[in-house]
Amino acid sequence: MNLPDFDFEFMSEIPDPDDVLRAEALNRLLELAEGHDDIIGASVAVEELTGTTTPHHYQVRVVAFVRPNNIAAVEKDETARGALKGALTAVERQVREQREQLRETWKRP
């Protein structure tokens, strides 16, 4: 799959590991989209939830633009990478479940 066919947006509030997180997110999403025409893009947002009640916690929101319904997942973790992995895993699972439901036309009401 070529990058022009896949719209990817990455926003992060943390300065240091941006390139590593961006590359990991893009690679996993491109692997998920490979060989399929249902995913047309994705958006990833990384936030640091720093405060008195949540020191050093991160939240990652991944939205996959999938036909017919977009899929989203939000994950919180003590590391940005852990939160990203959790959110990407949840999106991958949901996309695979949706693809399976669309294949099994005899089970639809």
PDB file of N, CA and C in Angstrom:
ATOM      1  N   MET A   1       0.847  -1.170   0.000  1.00  0.00           N
ATOM      2  CA  MET A   1       0.000   0.000   0.000  1.00  0.00           C
ATOM      3  C   MET A   1       0.892   1.231   0.000  1.00  0.00           C
ATOM      4  N   ASN A   2       0.592   2.190  -0.808  1.00  0.00           N
ATOM      5  CA  ASN A   2       1.364   3.418  -0.879  1.00  0.00           C
ATOM      6  C   ASN A   2       0.829   4.432   0.120  1.00  0.00           C
ATOM      7  N   LEU A   3       1.723   5.285   0.624  1.00  0.00           N
ATOM      8  CA  LEU A   3       1.315   6.305   1.572  1.00  0.00           C
ATOM      9  C   LEU A   3       0.280   7.279   1.022  1.00  0.00           C
ATOM     10  N   PRO A   4       0.307   7.658  -0.281  1.00  0.00           N
ATOM     11  CA  PRO A   4      -0.728   8.571  -0.753  1.00  0.00           C
ATOM     12  C   PRO A   4      -2.137   7.992  -0.644  1.00  0.00           C
ATOM     13  N   ASP A   5      -2.292   6.673  -0.591  1.00  0.00           N
ATOM     14  CA  ASP A   5      -3.601   6.039  -0.472  1.00  0.00           C
ATOM     15  C   ASP A   5      -4.105   6.017   0.966  1.00  0.00           C
ATOM     16  N   PHE A   6      -3.261   6.374   1.922  1.00  0.00           N
ATOM     17  CA  PHE A   6      -3.576   6.235   3.335  1.00  0.00           C
ATOM     18  C   PHE A   6      -3.326   7.569   4.034  1.00  0.00           C
ATOM     19  N   ASP A   7      -4.388   8.194   4.532  1.00  0.00           N
ATOM     20  CA  ASP A   7      -4.255   9.458   5.259  1.00  0.00           C
ATOM     21  C   ASP A   7      -3.906   9.150   6.704  1.00  0.00           C
ATOM     22  N   PHE A   8      -2.812   9.737   7.187  1.00  0.00           N
ATOM     23  CA  PHE A   8      -2.347   9.473   8.546  1.00  0.00           C
ATOM     24  C   PHE A   8      -2.078  10.792   9.253  1.00  0.00           C
ATOM     25  N   GLU A   9      -2.676  10.933  10.426  1.00  0.00           N
ATOM     26  CA  GLU A   9      -2.495  12.139  11.227  1.00  0.00           C
ATOM     27  C   GLU A   9      -1.993  11.724  12.602  1.00  0.00           C
ATOM     28  N   PHE A  10      -0.931  12.372  13.059  1.00  0.00           N
ATOM     29  CA  PHE A  10      -0.339  12.045  14.355  1.00  0.00           C
ATOM     30  C   PHE A  10      -0.157  13.333  15.139  1.00  0.00           C
ATOM     31  N   MET A  11      -0.734  13.395  16.339  1.00  0.00           N
ATOM     32  CA  MET A  11      -0.585  14.556  17.194  1.00  0.00           C
ATOM     33  C   MET A  11      -0.088  14.089  18.551  1.00  0.00           C
ATOM     34  N   SER A  12       0.934  14.784  19.047  1.00  0.00           N
ATOM     35  CA  SER A  12       1.496  14.398  20.330  1.00  0.00           C
ATOM     36  C   SER A  12       1.862  15.634  21.134  1.00  0.00           C
ATOM     37  N   GLU A  13       1.628  15.553  22.436  1.00  0.00           N
ATOM     38  CA  GLU A  13       2.008  16.618  23.342  1.00  0.00           C
ATOM     39  C   GLU A  13       3.362  16.350  23.993  1.00  0.00           C
ATOM     40  N   ILE A  14       3.931  15.183  23.755  1.00  0.00           N
ATOM     41  CA  ILE A  14       5.222  14.855  24.357  1.00  0.00           C
ATOM     42  C   ILE A  14       6.307  15.002  23.298  1.00  0.00           C
ATOM     43  N   PRO A  15       7.383  15.728  23.586  1.00  0.00           N
ATOM     44  CA  PRO A  15       8.377  16.061  22.563  1.00  0.00           C
ATOM     45  C   PRO A  15       9.363  14.948  22.211  1.00  0.00           C
ATOM     46  N   ASP A  16       9.787  14.141  23.160  1.00  0.00           N
ATOM     47  CA  ASP A  16      10.922  13.256  22.910  1.00  0.00           C
ATOM     48  C   ASP A  16      10.653  12.069  21.992  1.00  0.00           C
ATOM     49  N   PRO A  17       9.769  11.137  22.354  1.00  0.00           N
ATOM     50  CA  PRO A  17       9.652   9.921  21.543  1.00  0.00           C
ATOM     51  C   PRO A  17       8.666  10.033  20.381  1.00  0.00           C
ATOM     52  N   ASP A  18       8.403  11.239  19.899  1.00  0.00           N
ATOM     53  CA  ASP A  18       7.432  11.411  18.824  1.00  0.00           C
ATOM     54  C   ASP A  18       7.724  10.545  17.605  1.00  0.00           C
ATOM     55  N   ASP A  19       8.968  10.551  17.134  1.00  0.00           N
ATOM     56  CA  ASP A  19       9.303   9.815  15.911  1.00  0.00           C
ATOM     57  C   ASP A  19       9.134   8.312  16.085  1.00  0.00           C
ATOM     58  N   VAL A  20       9.507   7.800  17.233  1.00  0.00           N
ATOM     59  CA  VAL A  20       9.381   6.365  17.492  1.00  0.00           C
ATOM     60  C   VAL A  20       7.913   5.968  17.548  1.00  0.00           C
ATOM     61  N   LEU A  21       7.120   6.746  18.271  1.00  0.00           N
ATOM     62  CA  LEU A  21       5.697   6.443  18.391  1.00  0.00           C
ATOM     63  C   LEU A  21       4.991   6.584  17.052  1.00  0.00           C
ATOM     64  N   ARG A  22       5.333   7.635  16.306  1.00  0.00           N
ATOM     65  CA  ARG A  22       4.728   7.849  14.985  1.00  0.00           C
ATOM     66  C   ARG A  22       5.028   6.672  14.057  1.00  0.00           C
ATOM     67  N   ALA A  23       6.279   6.237  14.028  1.00  0.00           N
ATOM     68  CA  ALA A  23       6.666   5.136  13.145  1.00  0.00           C
ATOM     69  C   ALA A  23       5.959   3.837  13.538  1.00  0.00           C
ATOM     70  N   GLU A  24       5.880   3.568  14.842  1.00  0.00           N
ATOM     71  CA  GLU A  24       5.215   2.336  15.288  1.00  0.00           C
ATOM     72  C   GLU A  24       3.731   2.351  14.929  1.00  0.00           C
ATOM     73  N   ALA A  25       3.073   3.489  15.160  1.00  0.00           N
ATOM     74  CA  ALA A  25       1.644   3.595  14.845  1.00  0.00           C
ATOM     75  C   ALA A  25       1.408   3.446  13.346  1.00  0.00           C
ATOM     76  N   LEU A  26       2.191   4.145  12.544  1.00  0.00           N
ATOM     77  CA  LEU A  26       2.016   4.081  11.096  1.00  0.00           C
ATOM     78  C   LEU A  26       2.258   2.679  10.568  1.00  0.00           C
ATOM     79  N   ASN A  27       3.319   2.022  11.034  1.00  0.00           N
ATOM     80  CA  ASN A  27       3.626   0.669  10.562  1.00  0.00           C
ATOM     81  C   ASN A  27       2.521  -0.323  10.902  1.00  0.00           C
ATOM     82  N   ARG A  28       2.016  -0.278  12.126  1.00  0.00           N
ATOM     83  CA  ARG A  28       0.967  -1.231  12.514  1.00  0.00           C
ATOM     84  C   ARG A  28      -0.331  -0.971  11.767  1.00  0.00           C
ATOM     85  N   LEU A  29      -0.659   0.295  11.546  1.00  0.00           N
ATOM     86  CA  LEU A  29      -1.887   0.606  10.820  1.00  0.00           C
ATOM     87  C   LEU A  29      -1.765   0.243   9.342  1.00  0.00           C
ATOM     88  N   LEU A  30      -0.591   0.453   8.756  1.00  0.00           N
ATOM     89  CA  LEU A  30      -0.393   0.065   7.355  1.00  0.00           C
ATOM     90  C   LEU A  30      -0.454  -1.452   7.192  1.00  0.00           C
ATOM     91  N   GLU A  31       0.081  -2.192   8.163  1.00  0.00           N
ATOM     92  CA  GLU A  31      -0.021  -3.658   8.121  1.00  0.00           C
ATOM     93  C   GLU A  31      -1.476  -4.101   8.189  1.00  0.00           C
ATOM     94  N   LEU A  32      -2.259  -3.428   9.020  1.00  0.00           N
ATOM     95  CA  LEU A  32      -3.671  -3.762   9.147  1.00  0.00           C
ATOM     96  C   LEU A  32      -4.428  -3.458   7.858  1.00  0.00           C
ATOM     97  N   ALA A  33      -4.030  -2.405   7.163  1.00  0.00           N
ATOM     98  CA  ALA A  33      -4.715  -1.989   5.934  1.00  0.00           C
ATOM     99  C   ALA A  33      -4.229  -2.747   4.701  1.00  0.00           C
ATOM    100  N   GLU A  34      -3.078  -3.400   4.799  1.00  0.00           N
ATOM    101  CA  GLU A  34      -2.485  -4.075   3.643  1.00  0.00           C
ATOM    102  C   GLU A  34      -3.417  -5.148   3.091  1.00  0.00           C
ATOM    103  N   GLY A  35      -3.684  -5.069   1.808  1.00  0.00           N
ATOM    104  CA  GLY A  35      -4.531  -6.041   1.135  1.00  0.00           C
ATOM    105  C   GLY A  35      -6.024  -5.790   1.290  1.00  0.00           C
ATOM    106  N   HIS A  36      -6.397  -4.715   1.935  1.00  0.00           N
ATOM    107  CA  HIS A  36      -7.810  -4.392   2.149  1.00  0.00           C
ATOM    108  C   HIS A  36      -8.067  -2.970   1.664  1.00  0.00           C
ATOM    109  N   ASP A  37      -9.288  -2.709   1.258  1.00  0.00           N
ATOM    110  CA  ASP A  37      -9.614  -1.347   0.839  1.00  0.00           C
ATOM    111  C   ASP A  37     -10.614  -0.683   1.781  1.00  0.00           C
ATOM    112  N   ASP A  38     -10.820  -1.277   2.964  1.00  0.00           N
ATOM    113  CA  ASP A  38     -11.773  -0.701   3.900  1.00  0.00           C
ATOM    114  C   ASP A  38     -11.177   0.422   4.748  1.00  0.00           C
ATOM    115  N   ILE A  39      -9.884   0.400   5.021  1.00  0.00           N
ATOM    116  CA  ILE A  39      -9.247   1.438   5.836  1.00  0.00           C
ATOM    117  C   ILE A  39      -8.675   2.499   4.908  1.00  0.00           C
ATOM    118  N   ILE A  40      -9.131   3.733   5.108  1.00  0.00           N
ATOM    119  CA  ILE A  40      -8.656   4.821   4.247  1.00  0.00           C
ATOM    120  C   ILE A  40      -7.757   5.802   4.984  1.00  0.00           C
ATOM    121  N   GLY A  41      -7.627   5.641   6.295  1.00  0.00           N
ATOM    122  CA  GLY A  41      -6.760   6.525   7.058  1.00  0.00           C
ATOM    123  C   GLY A  41      -6.912   6.299   8.542  1.00  0.00           C
ATOM    124  N   ALA A  42      -6.118   7.098   9.305  1.00  0.00           N
ATOM    125  CA  ALA A  42      -6.177   6.978  10.755  1.00  0.00           C
ATOM    126  C   ALA A  42      -5.667   8.256  11.392  1.00  0.00           C
ATOM    127  N   SER A  43      -6.074   8.440  12.631  1.00  0.00           N
ATOM    128  CA  SER A  43      -5.629   9.572  13.424  1.00  0.00           C
ATOM    129  C   SER A  43      -5.187   9.052  14.781  1.00  0.00           C
ATOM    130  N   VAL A  44      -4.019   9.525  15.242  1.00  0.00           N
ATOM    131  CA  VAL A  44      -3.479   9.100  16.529  1.00  0.00           C
ATOM    132  C   VAL A  44      -3.182  10.354  17.349  1.00  0.00           C
ATOM    133  N   ALA A  45      -3.646  10.381  18.595  1.00  0.00           N
ATOM    134  CA  ALA A  45      -3.385  11.502  19.494  1.00  0.00           C
ATOM    135  C   ALA A  45      -2.780  10.969  20.787  1.00  0.00           C
ATOM    136  N   VAL A  46      -1.624  11.523  21.176  1.00  0.00           N
ATOM    137  CA  VAL A  46      -0.935  11.129  22.399  1.00  0.00           C
ATOM    138  C   VAL A  46      -0.977  12.306  23.367  1.00  0.00           C
ATOM    139  N   GLU A  47      -1.486  12.056  24.567  1.00  0.00           N
ATOM    140  CA  GLU A  47      -1.582  13.112  25.568  1.00  0.00           C
ATOM    141  C   GLU A  47      -0.917  12.657  26.856  1.00  0.00           C
ATOM    142  N   GLU A  48      -0.284  13.605  27.529  1.00  0.00           N
ATOM    143  CA  GLU A  48       0.262  13.322  28.851  1.00  0.00           C
ATOM    144  C   GLU A  48      -0.743  13.810  29.875  1.00  0.00           C
ATOM    145  N   LEU A  49      -1.179  12.918  30.750  1.00  0.00           N
ATOM    146  CA  LEU A  49      -2.161  13.253  31.778  1.00  0.00           C
ATOM    147  C   LEU A  49      -1.422  13.549  33.074  1.00  0.00           C
ATOM    148  N   THR A  50      -0.771  14.665  33.134  1.00  0.00           N
ATOM    149  CA  THR A  50       0.013  15.008  34.303  1.00  0.00           C
ATOM    150  C   THR A  50      -0.818  15.882  35.224  1.00  0.00           C
ATOM    151  N   GLY A  51      -0.856  15.512  36.451  1.00  0.00           N
ATOM    152  CA  GLY A  51      -1.582  16.262  37.458  1.00  0.00           C
ATOM    153  C   GLY A  51      -1.313  15.673  38.816  1.00  0.00           C
ATOM    154  N   THR A  52      -1.990  16.180  39.810  1.00  0.00           N
ATOM    155  CA  THR A  52      -1.766  15.679  41.158  1.00  0.00           C
ATOM    156  C   THR A  52      -2.318  14.271  41.343  1.00  0.00           C
ATOM    157  N   THR A  53      -3.378  13.935  40.610  1.00  0.00           N
ATOM    158  CA  THR A  53      -3.973  12.608  40.769  1.00  0.00           C
ATOM    159  C   THR A  53      -3.410  11.580  39.798  1.00  0.00           C
ATOM    160  N   THR A  54      -2.840  12.011  38.691  1.00  0.00           N
ATOM    161  CA  THR A  54      -2.311  11.077  37.693  1.00  0.00           C
ATOM    162  C   THR A  54      -0.905  11.497  37.250  1.00  0.00           C
ATOM    163  N   PRO A  55       0.090  11.351  38.110  1.00  0.00           N
ATOM    164  CA  PRO A  55       1.440  11.718  37.680  1.00  0.00           C
ATOM    165  C   PRO A  55       2.002  10.693  36.694  1.00  0.00           C
ATOM    166  N   HIS A  56       2.562  11.170  35.634  1.00  0.00           N
ATOM    167  CA  HIS A  56       3.244  10.341  34.629  1.00  0.00           C
ATOM    168  C   HIS A  56       2.339   9.272  34.024  1.00  0.00           C
ATOM    169  N   HIS A  57       1.163   9.671  33.631  1.00  0.00           N
ATOM    170  CA  HIS A  57       0.266   8.787  32.896  1.00  0.00           C
ATOM    171  C   HIS A  57       0.046   9.367  31.506  1.00  0.00           C
ATOM    172  N   TYR A  58      -0.172   8.484  30.552  1.00  0.00           N
ATOM    173  CA  TYR A  58      -0.377   8.899  29.172  1.00  0.00           C
ATOM    174  C   TYR A  58      -1.680   8.302  28.657  1.00  0.00           C
ATOM    175  N   GLN A  59      -2.303   9.023  27.742  1.00  0.00           N
ATOM    176  CA  GLN A  59      -3.520   8.547  27.090  1.00  0.00           C
ATOM    177  C   GLN A  59      -3.317   8.639  25.584  1.00  0.00           C
ATOM    178  N   VAL A  60      -3.662   7.568  24.895  1.00  0.00           N
ATOM    179  CA  VAL A  60      -3.558   7.533  23.439  1.00  0.00           C
ATOM    180  C   VAL A  60      -4.929   7.229  22.871  1.00  0.00           C
ATOM    181  N   ARG A  61      -5.315   8.019  21.886  1.00  0.00           N
ATOM    182  CA  ARG A  61      -6.587   7.821  21.181  1.00  0.00           C
ATOM    183  C   ARG A  61      -6.266   7.509  19.723  1.00  0.00           C
ATOM    184  N   VAL A  62      -6.748   6.379  19.245  1.00  0.00           N
ATOM    185  CA  VAL A  62      -6.548   5.971  17.851  1.00  0.00           C
ATOM    186  C   VAL A  62      -7.922   5.866  17.201  1.00  0.00           C
ATOM    187  N   VAL A  63      -8.088   6.560  16.082  1.00  0.00           N
ATOM    188  CA  VAL A  63      -9.317   6.469  15.300  1.00  0.00           C
ATOM    189  C   VAL A  63      -8.933   5.961  13.918  1.00  0.00           C
ATOM    190  N   ALA A  64      -9.498   4.842  13.531  1.00  0.00           N
ATOM    191  CA  ALA A  64      -9.259   4.291  12.191  1.00  0.00           C
ATOM    192  C   ALA A  64     -10.468   4.630  11.328  1.00  0.00           C
ATOM    193  N   PHE A  65     -10.191   5.244  10.194  1.00  0.00           N
ATOM    194  CA  PHE A  65     -11.264   5.608   9.274  1.00  0.00           C
ATOM    195  C   PHE A  65     -11.536   4.398   8.380  1.00  0.00           C
ATOM    196  N   VAL A  66     -12.537   3.633   8.786  1.00  0.00           N
ATOM    197  CA  VAL A  66     -12.854   2.353   8.170  1.00  0.00           C
ATOM    198  C   VAL A  66     -14.258   2.429   7.596  1.00  0.00           C
ATOM    199  N   ARG A  67     -14.428   1.861   6.417  1.00  0.00           N
ATOM    200  CA  ARG A  67     -15.763   1.780   5.834  1.00  0.00           C
ATOM    201  C   ARG A  67     -16.429   0.495   6.297  1.00  0.00           C
ATOM    202  N   PRO A  68     -17.631   0.423   6.682  1.00  0.00           N
ATOM    203  CA  PRO A  68     -18.652   1.455   6.702  1.00  0.00           C
ATOM    204  C   PRO A  68     -18.680   2.264   7.988  1.00  0.00           C
ATOM    205  N   ASN A  69     -18.027   1.807   9.080  1.00  0.00           N
ATOM    206  CA  ASN A  69     -18.064   2.522  10.362  1.00  0.00           C
ATOM    207  C   ASN A  69     -16.659   2.759  10.879  1.00  0.00           C
ATOM    208  N   ASN A  70     -16.373   3.994  11.291  1.00  0.00           N
ATOM    209  CA  ASN A  70     -15.070   4.298  11.887  1.00  0.00           C
ATOM    210  C   ASN A  70     -14.928   3.566  13.209  1.00  0.00           C
ATOM    211  N   ILE A  71     -13.683   3.301  13.577  1.00  0.00           N
ATOM    212  CA  ILE A  71     -13.396   2.553  14.794  1.00  0.00           C
ATOM    213  C   ILE A  71     -12.437   3.373  15.640  1.00  0.00           C
ATOM    214  N   ALA A  72     -12.696   3.441  16.945  1.00  0.00           N
ATOM    215  CA  ALA A  72     -11.854   4.213  17.845  1.00  0.00           C
ATOM    216  C   ALA A  72     -11.519   3.404  19.087  1.00  0.00           C
ATOM    217  N   ALA A  73     -10.352   3.722  19.675  1.00  0.00           N
ATOM    218  CA  ALA A  73      -9.950   3.104  20.932  1.00  0.00           C
ATOM    219  C   ALA A  73      -9.134   4.117  21.724  1.00  0.00           C
ATOM    220  N   VAL A  74      -9.320   4.106  23.027  1.00  0.00           N
ATOM    221  CA  VAL A  74      -8.572   4.975  23.936  1.00  0.00           C
ATOM    222  C   VAL A  74      -7.935   4.087  24.989  1.00  0.00           C
ATOM    223  N   GLU A  75      -6.661   4.330  25.264  1.00  0.00           N
ATOM    224  CA  GLU A  75      -5.944   3.524  26.244  1.00  0.00           C
ATOM    225  C   GLU A  75      -5.090   4.445  27.110  1.00  0.00           C
ATOM    226  N   LYS A  76      -5.015   4.127  28.408  1.00  0.00           N
ATOM    227  CA  LYS A  76      -4.170   4.869  29.352  1.00  0.00           C
ATOM    228  C   LYS A  76      -3.127   3.922  29.914  1.00  0.00           C
ATOM    229  N   ASP A  77      -1.919   4.452  30.127  1.00  0.00           N
ATOM    230  CA  ASP A  77      -0.835   3.636  30.663  1.00  0.00           C
ATOM    231  C   ASP A  77       0.202   4.549  31.299  1.00  0.00           C
ATOM    232  N   GLU A  78       1.148   3.932  32.000  1.00  0.00           N
ATOM    233  CA  GLU A  78       2.216   4.707  32.624  1.00  0.00           C
ATOM    234  C   GLU A  78       3.257   5.166  31.614  1.00  0.00           C
ATOM    235  N   THR A  79       3.312   4.527  30.452  1.00  0.00           N
ATOM    236  CA  THR A  79       4.231   4.954  29.396  1.00  0.00           C
ATOM    237  C   THR A  79       3.433   5.256  28.139  1.00  0.00           C
ATOM    238  N   ALA A  80       3.949   6.174  27.349  1.00  0.00           N
ATOM    239  CA  ALA A  80       3.274   6.521  26.098  1.00  0.00           C
ATOM    240  C   ALA A  80       3.263   5.323  25.149  1.00  0.00           C
ATOM    241  N   ARG A  81       4.356   4.587  25.117  1.00  0.00           N
ATOM    242  CA  ARG A  81       4.440   3.427  24.226  1.00  0.00           C
ATOM    243  C   ARG A  81       3.450   2.331  24.624  1.00  0.00           C
ATOM    244  N   GLY A  82       3.302   2.106  25.926  1.00  0.00           N
ATOM    245  CA  GLY A  82       2.342   1.114  26.403  1.00  0.00           C
ATOM    246  C   GLY A  82       0.912   1.487  26.063  1.00  0.00           C
ATOM    247  N   ALA A  83       0.596   2.767  26.213  1.00  0.00           N
ATOM    248  CA  ALA A  83      -0.748   3.229  25.868  1.00  0.00           C
ATOM    249  C   ALA A  83      -0.993   3.105  24.372  1.00  0.00           C
ATOM    250  N   LEU A  84       0.024   3.425  23.563  1.00  0.00           N
ATOM    251  CA  LEU A  84      -0.106   3.309  22.110  1.00  0.00           C
ATOM    252  C   LEU A  84      -0.330   1.855  21.702  1.00  0.00           C
ATOM    253  N   LYS A  85       0.461   0.957  22.263  1.00  0.00           N
ATOM    254  CA  LYS A  85       0.306  -0.469  21.927  1.00  0.00           C
ATOM    255  C   LYS A  85      -1.080  -0.982  22.297  1.00  0.00           C
ATOM    256  N   GLY A  86      -1.576  -0.589  23.465  1.00  0.00           N
ATOM    257  CA  GLY A  86      -2.897  -1.029  23.886  1.00  0.00           C
ATOM    258  C   GLY A  86      -3.995  -0.516  22.973  1.00  0.00           C
ATOM    259  N   ALA A  87      -3.912   0.764  22.591  1.00  0.00           N
ATOM    260  CA  ALA A  87      -4.932   1.344  21.711  1.00  0.00           C
ATOM    261  C   ALA A  87      -4.878   0.716  20.323  1.00  0.00           C
ATOM    262  N   LEU A  88      -3.677   0.500  19.800  1.00  0.00           N
ATOM    263  CA  LEU A  88      -3.548  -0.112  18.476  1.00  0.00           C
ATOM    264  C   LEU A  88      -4.055  -1.554  18.479  1.00  0.00           C
ATOM    265  N   THR A  89      -3.777  -2.277  19.547  1.00  0.00           N
ATOM    266  CA  THR A  89      -4.262  -3.654  19.656  1.00  0.00           C
ATOM    267  C   THR A  89      -5.789  -3.685  19.671  1.00  0.00           C
ATOM    268  N   ALA A  90      -6.400  -2.748  20.395  1.00  0.00           N
ATOM    269  CA  ALA A  90      -7.865  -2.693  20.456  1.00  0.00           C
ATOM    270  C   ALA A  90      -8.458  -2.353  19.091  1.00  0.00           C
ATOM    271  N   VAL A  91      -7.839  -1.421  18.364  1.00  0.00           N
ATOM    272  CA  VAL A  91      -8.326  -1.058  17.023  1.00  0.00           C
ATOM    273  C   VAL A  91      -8.177  -2.243  16.076  1.00  0.00           C
ATOM    274  N   GLU A  92      -7.040  -2.914  16.118  1.00  0.00           N
ATOM    275  CA  GLU A  92      -6.823  -4.073  15.249  1.00  0.00           C
ATOM    276  C   GLU A  92      -7.882  -5.148  15.500  1.00  0.00           C
ATOM    277  N   ARG A  93      -8.180  -5.420  16.764  1.00  0.00           N
ATOM    278  CA  ARG A  93      -9.189  -6.423  17.108  1.00  0.00           C
ATOM    279  C   ARG A  93     -10.557  -6.015  16.573  1.00  0.00           C
ATOM    280  N   GLN A  94     -10.926  -4.748  16.749  1.00  0.00           N
ATOM    281  CA  GLN A  94     -12.235  -4.279  16.288  1.00  0.00           C
ATOM    282  C   GLN A  94     -12.347  -4.324  14.766  1.00  0.00           C
ATOM    283  N   VAL A  95     -11.275  -3.973  14.071  1.00  0.00           N
ATOM    284  CA  VAL A  95     -11.294  -4.014  12.604  1.00  0.00           C
ATOM    285  C   VAL A  95     -11.458  -5.451  12.127  1.00  0.00           C
ATOM    286  N   ARG A  96     -10.735  -6.374  12.736  1.00  0.00           N
ATOM    287  CA  ARG A  96     -10.853  -7.785  12.336  1.00  0.00           C
ATOM    288  C   ARG A  96     -12.245  -8.331  12.617  1.00  0.00           C
ATOM    289  N   GLU A  97     -12.829  -7.939  13.759  1.00  0.00           N
ATOM    290  CA  GLU A  97     -14.197  -8.371  14.065  1.00  0.00           C
ATOM    291  C   GLU A  97     -15.196  -7.808  13.061  1.00  0.00           C
ATOM    292  N   GLN A  98     -15.019  -6.540  12.683  1.00  0.00           N
ATOM    293  CA  GLN A  98     -15.925  -5.934  11.712  1.00  0.00           C
ATOM    294  C   GLN A  98     -15.795  -6.601  10.353  1.00  0.00           C
ATOM    295  N   ARG A  99     -14.574  -6.900   9.950  1.00  0.00           N
ATOM    296  CA  ARG A  99     -14.367  -7.598   8.669  1.00  0.00           C
ATOM    297  C   ARG A  99     -15.029  -8.970   8.692  1.00  0.00           C
ATOM    298  N   GLU A 100     -14.921  -9.666   9.815  1.00  0.00           N
ATOM    299  CA  GLU A 100     -15.537 -10.992   9.933  1.00  0.00           C
ATOM    300  C   GLU A 100     -17.055 -10.891   9.842  1.00  0.00           C
ATOM    301  N   GLN A 101     -17.644  -9.899  10.483  1.00  0.00           N
ATOM    302  CA  GLN A 101     -19.094  -9.713  10.420  1.00  0.00           C
ATOM    303  C   GLN A 101     -19.551  -9.398   9.001  1.00  0.00           C
ATOM    304  N   LEU A 102     -18.775  -8.605   8.293  1.00  0.00           N
ATOM    305  CA  LEU A 102     -19.152  -8.259   6.917  1.00  0.00           C
ATOM    306  C   LEU A 102     -19.028  -9.457   5.982  1.00  0.00           C
ATOM    307  N   ARG A 103     -18.111 -10.378   6.291  1.00  0.00           N
ATOM    308  CA  ARG A 103     -17.963 -11.583   5.461  1.00  0.00           C
ATOM    309  C   ARG A 103     -19.100 -12.557   5.682  1.00  0.00           C
ATOM    310  N   GLU A 104     -19.605 -12.629   6.886  1.00  0.00           N
ATOM    311  CA  GLU A 104     -20.649 -13.592   7.235  1.00  0.00           C
ATOM    312  C   GLU A 104     -22.028 -12.980   7.003  1.00  0.00           C
ATOM    313  N   THR A 105     -22.391 -12.890   5.736  1.00  0.00           N
ATOM    314  CA  THR A 105     -23.659 -12.243   5.380  1.00  0.00           C
ATOM    315  C   THR A 105     -24.856 -13.051   5.841  1.00  0.00           C
ATOM    316  N   TRP A 106     -24.736 -14.355   5.989  1.00  0.00           N
ATOM    317  CA  TRP A 106     -25.856 -15.182   6.395  1.00  0.00           C
ATOM    318  C   TRP A 106     -26.244 -14.965   7.864  1.00  0.00           C
ATOM    319  N   LYS A 107     -25.374 -14.345   8.684  1.00  0.00           N
ATOM    320  CA  LYS A 107     -25.684 -14.106  10.077  1.00  0.00           C
ATOM    321  C   LYS A 107     -26.351 -12.750  10.307  1.00  0.00           C
ATOM    322  N   ARG A 108     -26.428 -11.930   9.285  1.00  0.00           N
ATOM    323  CA  ARG A 108     -27.061 -10.614   9.444  1.00  0.00           C
ATOM    324  C   ARG A 108     -28.562 -10.751   9.536  1.00  0.00           C
ATOM    325  N   PRO A 109     -29.204  -9.865  10.332  1.00  0.00           N
ATOM    326  CA  PRO A 109     -30.679  -9.944  10.460  1.00  0.00           C
ATOM    327  C   PRO A 109     -31.368  -9.508   9.198  1.00  0.00           C
TER     328      PRO A 109
END
